[in-house]
Amino acid sequence: MTQDGGGNTLLVHNCAGTHGSSGAPLLFHDQGGWHVIGVQVQAFTNGAGGRAVPLLSQN
């Protein structure tokens, strides 16, 4: 987890997102199946990964 310049929480990930993937769901798989845990907002330019807005609050 990190924050943007406005203090909003972002989830840093290493999924294979590329430029143009903004708005795509960030998925997580466990024994219960697939879950949408965030929405992609930024892809890294130097490899896989990026930042996503988390859908669930982290308390």
Protein backbone atom coordinates (compact mmCIF):
# COMPACT_ATOMS: atom_id res chain seq x y z
CA MET A 1 0.00 0.00 0.00
CA THR A 2 1.11 3.55 -0.71
CA GLN A 3 -0.46 6.98 -1.07
CA ASP A 4 -0.71 9.44 -3.94
CA GLY A 5 0.11 13.14 -3.59
CA GLY A 6 -3.38 13.83 -2.22
CA GLY A 7 -3.11 11.21 0.53
CA ASN A 8 -5.38 8.66 -1.21
CA THR A 9 -4.54 5.00 -0.62
CA LEU A 10 -3.18 3.03 -3.60
CA LEU A 11 -2.37 -0.65 -3.86
CA VAL A 12 1.01 -1.37 -5.50
CA HIS A 13 1.05 -4.65 -7.46
CA ASN A 14 3.26 -6.68 -9.79
CA CYS A 15 0.55 -7.94 -12.17
CA ALA A 16 1.21 -7.82 -15.89
CA GLY A 17 -0.64 -4.55 -16.50
CA THR A 18 0.56 -2.38 -19.37
CA HIS A 19 -0.21 1.11 -20.62
CA GLY A 20 -3.84 1.34 -21.61
CA SER A 21 -4.96 -0.95 -18.78
CA SER A 22 -6.35 1.87 -16.64
CA GLY A 23 -9.85 1.05 -15.45
CA ALA A 24 -9.24 -2.70 -15.59
CA PRO A 25 -10.09 -4.80 -12.53
CA LEU A 26 -7.24 -5.99 -10.31
CA LEU A 27 -8.06 -9.61 -9.54
CA PHE A 28 -7.03 -11.87 -6.64
CA HIS A 29 -7.53 -15.64 -6.57
CA ASP A 30 -7.87 -17.76 -3.46
CA GLN A 31 -9.73 -20.94 -2.47
CA GLY A 32 -13.01 -19.02 -2.66
CA GLY A 33 -12.45 -18.07 -6.30
CA TRP A 34 -11.68 -14.79 -8.03
CA HIS A 35 -12.20 -11.43 -6.33
CA VAL A 36 -11.94 -7.87 -7.66
CA ILE A 37 -9.74 -6.03 -5.15
CA GLY A 38 -9.00 -2.82 -7.04
CA VAL A 39 -9.12 -0.80 -10.23
CA GLN A 40 -5.93 -0.17 -12.22
CA VAL A 41 -4.93 3.51 -12.40
CA GLN A 42 -1.23 3.45 -13.35
CA ALA A 43 1.10 0.97 -15.06
CA PHE A 44 4.83 0.98 -14.35
CA THR A 45 7.01 1.91 -17.32
CA ASN A 46 9.95 -0.35 -16.44
CA GLY A 47 8.24 -3.74 -16.09
CA ALA A 48 5.13 -5.50 -14.86
CA GLY A 49 3.05 -3.87 -12.18
CA GLY A 50 1.48 -0.61 -11.26
CA ARG A 51 -0.91 1.04 -8.86
CA ALA A 52 -4.60 0.44 -8.29
CA VAL A 53 -7.33 2.06 -6.23
CA PRO A 54 -8.35 -0.58 -3.64
CA LEU A 55 -12.05 -1.43 -3.44
CA LEU A 56 -11.97 -2.49 0.22
CA SER A 57 -10.74 -0.25 3.01
CA GLN A 58 -7.72 -1.49 4.93
CA ASN A 59 -8.43 -1.00 8.65
